[in-house]
Amino acid sequence: MATPSLIGRAVARVAAPVLGSTSRALPKPQGTQFARAFAKSASPETPLMHYTATQQATSSINHRIMYVNVVAMVFVIDAGSALVDL
């Protein structure tokens, strides 16, 4: 995974001035090398066109939408009772 190496580089970059050590400079990719390096980092992730939601994800989405529906119904009832004075 790229995350530990990314965190390690960030810590080394911050710690170098504090500790006074000289660490070797990281090579900066140029042009298309940067684009290739950027594209590589996203390759292990699931593309959205091949994504299928699990039952837990579907339930979570439905649960969140339920709260939106409850708020909308409370608003409709409150606005309706304000318009129709019973």
N, C-alpha and C. Protein backbone atom coordinates (compact mmCIF):
# COMPACT_ATOMS: atom_id res chain seq x y z
N MET A 1 0.84 -1.17 0.00
CA MET A 1 0.00 0.00 0.00
C MET A 1 0.88 1.24 0.00
N ALA A 2 0.39 2.27 -0.61
CA ALA A 2 1.18 3.50 -0.73
C ALA A 2 1.07 4.37 0.51
N THR A 3 0.10 4.14 1.35
CA THR A 3 -0.13 5.02 2.50
C THR A 3 1.03 5.01 3.50
N PRO A 4 1.56 3.84 3.90
CA PRO A 4 2.68 3.88 4.86
C PRO A 4 3.91 4.60 4.30
N SER A 5 4.21 4.38 3.02
CA SER A 5 5.37 5.06 2.46
C SER A 5 5.12 6.56 2.33
N LEU A 6 3.89 6.94 2.06
CA LEU A 6 3.56 8.36 1.97
C LEU A 6 3.68 9.02 3.33
N ILE A 7 3.19 8.36 4.37
CA ILE A 7 3.29 8.89 5.73
C ILE A 7 4.76 8.95 6.15
N GLY A 8 5.51 7.90 5.82
CA GLY A 8 6.93 7.87 6.17
C GLY A 8 7.70 9.02 5.53
N ARG A 9 7.39 9.29 4.26
CA ARG A 9 8.05 10.41 3.58
C ARG A 9 7.66 11.75 4.20
N ALA A 10 6.39 11.89 4.57
CA ALA A 10 5.95 13.14 5.19
C ALA A 10 6.62 13.35 6.54
N VAL A 11 6.73 12.28 7.33
CA VAL A 11 7.38 12.38 8.64
C VAL A 11 8.86 12.70 8.46
N ALA A 12 9.52 12.07 7.49
CA ALA A 12 10.93 12.33 7.25
C ALA A 12 11.15 13.77 6.80
N ARG A 13 10.23 14.27 5.98
CA ARG A 13 10.35 15.64 5.48
C ARG A 13 10.19 16.66 6.61
N VAL A 14 9.28 16.37 7.55
CA VAL A 14 9.07 17.28 8.67
C VAL A 14 10.19 17.15 9.70
N ALA A 15 10.65 15.92 9.93
CA ALA A 15 11.64 15.67 10.96
C ALA A 15 13.04 16.12 10.55
N ALA A 16 13.33 16.18 9.27
CA ALA A 16 14.68 16.53 8.81
C ALA A 16 15.12 17.91 9.31
N PRO A 17 14.32 18.97 9.16
CA PRO A 17 14.78 20.26 9.67
C PRO A 17 14.86 20.30 11.19
N VAL A 18 13.97 19.58 11.85
CA VAL A 18 13.96 19.59 13.31
C VAL A 18 15.18 18.88 13.87
N LEU A 19 15.51 17.74 13.30
CA LEU A 19 16.64 16.95 13.79
C LEU A 19 17.98 17.43 13.22
N GLY A 20 17.94 18.25 12.21
CA GLY A 20 19.16 18.75 11.61
C GLY A 20 19.86 17.74 10.73
N SER A 21 19.19 16.66 10.41
CA SER A 21 19.82 15.66 9.55
C SER A 21 19.57 16.02 8.10
N THR A 22 20.45 15.55 7.27
CA THR A 22 20.28 15.78 5.83
C THR A 22 19.85 14.47 5.21
N SER A 23 18.65 14.43 4.77
CA SER A 23 18.17 13.24 4.08
C SER A 23 18.26 13.48 2.59
N ARG A 24 18.33 12.40 1.86
CA ARG A 24 18.44 12.56 0.40
C ARG A 24 17.12 13.10 -0.15
N ALA A 25 17.24 13.93 -1.13
CA ALA A 25 16.05 14.56 -1.71
C ALA A 25 15.32 13.53 -2.56
N LEU A 26 14.00 13.57 -2.50
CA LEU A 26 13.19 12.68 -3.32
C LEU A 26 13.14 13.20 -4.74
N PRO A 27 13.32 12.32 -5.72
CA PRO A 27 13.24 12.78 -7.10
C PRO A 27 11.82 13.21 -7.45
N LYS A 28 11.70 14.33 -8.12
CA LYS A 28 10.39 14.82 -8.53
C LYS A 28 10.10 14.34 -9.94
N PRO A 29 9.01 13.58 -10.12
CA PRO A 29 8.67 13.13 -11.46
C PRO A 29 8.29 14.32 -12.35
N GLN A 30 8.66 14.23 -13.59
CA GLN A 30 8.41 15.30 -14.54
C GLN A 30 7.44 14.82 -15.62
N GLY A 31 6.55 15.70 -16.05
CA GLY A 31 5.69 15.46 -17.21
C GLY A 31 4.87 14.20 -17.12
N THR A 32 5.07 13.31 -18.10
CA THR A 32 4.27 12.08 -18.16
C THR A 32 4.60 11.13 -17.04
N GLN A 33 5.82 11.22 -16.49
CA GLN A 33 6.16 10.36 -15.36
C GLN A 33 5.25 10.68 -14.18
N PHE A 34 4.95 11.95 -13.98
CA PHE A 34 4.04 12.33 -12.89
C PHE A 34 2.65 11.76 -13.13
N ALA A 35 2.18 11.84 -14.36
CA ALA A 35 0.85 11.31 -14.68
C ALA A 35 0.80 9.81 -14.47
N ARG A 36 1.86 9.10 -14.85
CA ARG A 36 1.89 7.66 -14.64
C ARG A 36 1.93 7.32 -13.16
N ALA A 37 2.72 8.05 -12.40
CA ALA A 37 2.82 7.80 -10.96
C ALA A 37 1.48 8.09 -10.28
N PHE A 38 0.79 9.13 -10.73
CA PHE A 38 -0.50 9.47 -10.16
C PHE A 38 -1.54 8.40 -10.49
N ALA A 39 -1.54 7.93 -11.72
CA ALA A 39 -2.51 6.93 -12.14
C ALA A 39 -2.27 5.60 -11.45
N LYS A 40 -1.02 5.28 -11.14
CA LYS A 40 -0.72 4.02 -10.48
C LYS A 40 -1.35 3.96 -9.09
N SER A 41 -1.42 5.08 -8.40
CA SER A 41 -1.92 5.05 -7.04
C SER A 41 -3.40 4.67 -6.97
N ALA A 42 -4.15 4.90 -8.02
CA ALA A 42 -5.58 4.61 -8.00
C ALA A 42 -5.91 3.24 -8.56
N SER A 43 -4.94 2.54 -9.10
CA SER A 43 -5.23 1.28 -9.77
C SER A 43 -5.78 0.18 -8.87
N PRO A 44 -5.39 0.05 -7.60
CA PRO A 44 -5.96 -1.03 -6.80
C PRO A 44 -7.42 -0.82 -6.41
N GLU A 45 -7.92 0.38 -6.54
CA GLU A 45 -9.30 0.65 -6.13
C GLU A 45 -10.29 0.10 -7.15
N THR A 46 -11.49 -0.20 -6.68
CA THR A 46 -12.52 -0.76 -7.55
C THR A 46 -13.09 0.32 -8.46
N PRO A 47 -13.06 0.13 -9.77
CA PRO A 47 -13.68 1.10 -10.66
C PRO A 47 -15.19 1.14 -10.43
N LEU A 48 -15.79 2.32 -10.55
CA LEU A 48 -17.21 2.45 -10.27
C LEU A 48 -18.08 1.66 -11.22
N MET A 49 -17.62 1.44 -12.45
CA MET A 49 -18.46 0.70 -13.39
C MET A 49 -18.52 -0.79 -13.04
N HIS A 50 -17.60 -1.27 -12.20
CA HIS A 50 -17.63 -2.67 -11.77
C HIS A 50 -18.09 -2.81 -10.33
N TYR A 51 -18.52 -1.72 -9.72
CA TYR A 51 -18.90 -1.74 -8.31
C TYR A 51 -20.29 -2.32 -8.13
N THR A 52 -20.42 -3.25 -7.21
CA THR A 52 -21.74 -3.75 -6.83
C THR A 52 -21.87 -3.56 -5.32
N ALA A 53 -22.93 -2.93 -4.91
CA ALA A 53 -23.12 -2.60 -3.50
C ALA A 53 -23.42 -3.87 -2.70
N THR A 54 -22.84 -3.95 -1.52
CA THR A 54 -23.15 -5.06 -0.63
C THR A 54 -24.47 -4.78 0.07
N GLN A 55 -25.00 -5.79 0.74
CA GLN A 55 -26.28 -5.62 1.43
C GLN A 55 -26.14 -4.60 2.56
N GLN A 56 -24.99 -4.60 3.22
CA GLN A 56 -24.77 -3.64 4.31
C GLN A 56 -24.72 -2.21 3.77
N ALA A 57 -24.06 -1.99 2.63
CA ALA A 57 -24.00 -0.65 2.04
C ALA A 57 -25.38 -0.17 1.61
N THR A 58 -26.15 -1.07 1.03
CA THR A 58 -27.51 -0.71 0.61
C THR A 58 -28.38 -0.35 1.80
N SER A 59 -28.26 -1.13 2.88
CA SER A 59 -29.04 -0.84 4.08
C SER A 59 -28.64 0.50 4.68
N SER A 60 -27.36 0.81 4.65
CA SER A 60 -26.88 2.07 5.20
C SER A 60 -27.42 3.25 4.40
N ILE A 61 -27.42 3.13 3.08
CA ILE A 61 -27.94 4.20 2.22
C ILE A 61 -29.44 4.38 2.47
N ASN A 62 -30.17 3.27 2.55
CA ASN A 62 -31.60 3.36 2.79
C ASN A 62 -31.90 3.98 4.16
N HIS A 63 -31.08 3.68 5.15
CA HIS A 63 -31.27 4.23 6.48
C HIS A 63 -31.07 5.74 6.47
N ARG A 64 -30.06 6.21 5.73
CA ARG A 64 -29.80 7.65 5.64
C ARG A 64 -30.91 8.36 4.89
N ILE A 65 -31.42 7.73 3.83
CA ILE A 65 -32.51 8.33 3.06
C ILE A 65 -33.78 8.40 3.91
N MET A 66 -33.97 7.43 4.82
CA MET A 66 -35.15 7.44 5.68
C MET A 66 -35.19 8.72 6.52
N TYR A 67 -34.04 9.16 7.03
CA TYR A 67 -34.01 10.39 7.83
C TYR A 67 -34.40 11.61 6.99
N VAL A 68 -33.98 11.65 5.74
CA VAL A 68 -34.37 12.74 4.85
C VAL A 68 -35.88 12.73 4.65
N ASN A 69 -36.44 11.55 4.49
CA ASN A 69 -37.90 11.44 4.32
C ASN A 69 -38.64 11.88 5.57
N VAL A 70 -38.15 11.54 6.74
CA VAL A 70 -38.79 11.94 7.99
C VAL A 70 -38.78 13.46 8.12
N VAL A 71 -37.64 14.09 7.83
CA VAL A 71 -37.55 15.55 7.91
C VAL A 71 -38.50 16.19 6.90
N ALA A 72 -38.57 15.64 5.69
CA ALA A 72 -39.47 16.19 4.67
C ALA A 72 -40.94 16.06 5.11
N MET A 73 -41.30 14.93 5.69
CA MET A 73 -42.68 14.75 6.13
C MET A 73 -43.03 15.70 7.28
N VAL A 74 -42.11 15.90 8.22
CA VAL A 74 -42.35 16.84 9.31
C VAL A 74 -42.54 18.24 8.75
N PHE A 75 -41.73 18.62 7.77
CA PHE A 75 -41.87 19.94 7.15
C PHE A 75 -43.22 20.07 6.44
N VAL A 76 -43.62 19.05 5.70
CA VAL A 76 -44.89 19.10 4.98
C VAL A 76 -46.06 19.20 5.96
N ILE A 77 -46.02 18.44 7.03
CA ILE A 77 -47.10 18.49 8.02
C ILE A 77 -47.14 19.85 8.70
N ASP A 78 -45.96 20.38 9.05
CA ASP A 78 -45.90 21.68 9.73
C ASP A 78 -46.36 22.80 8.80
N ALA A 79 -45.89 22.78 7.53
CA ALA A 79 -46.29 23.82 6.58
C ALA A 79 -47.77 23.69 6.24
N GLY A 80 -48.25 22.44 6.12
CA GLY A 80 -49.67 22.23 5.81
C GLY A 80 -50.57 22.70 6.94
N SER A 81 -50.18 22.43 8.16
CA SER A 81 -51.02 22.85 9.28
C SER A 81 -50.97 24.37 9.45
N ALA A 82 -49.88 25.00 9.02
CA ALA A 82 -49.82 26.47 9.09
C ALA A 82 -50.71 27.11 8.01
N LEU A 83 -50.79 26.47 6.84
CA LEU A 83 -51.62 27.01 5.76
C LEU A 83 -53.11 26.75 6.01
N VAL A 84 -53.42 25.56 6.50
CA VAL A 84 -54.81 25.21 6.77
C VAL A 84 -55.04 25.36 8.26
N ASP A 85 -55.77 26.37 8.61
CA ASP A 85 -55.99 26.64 10.04
C ASP A 85 -57.18 25.83 10.52
N LEU A 86 -56.89 24.74 11.18
CA LEU A 86 -57.98 23.88 11.68
C LEU A 86 -58.21 24.09 13.15
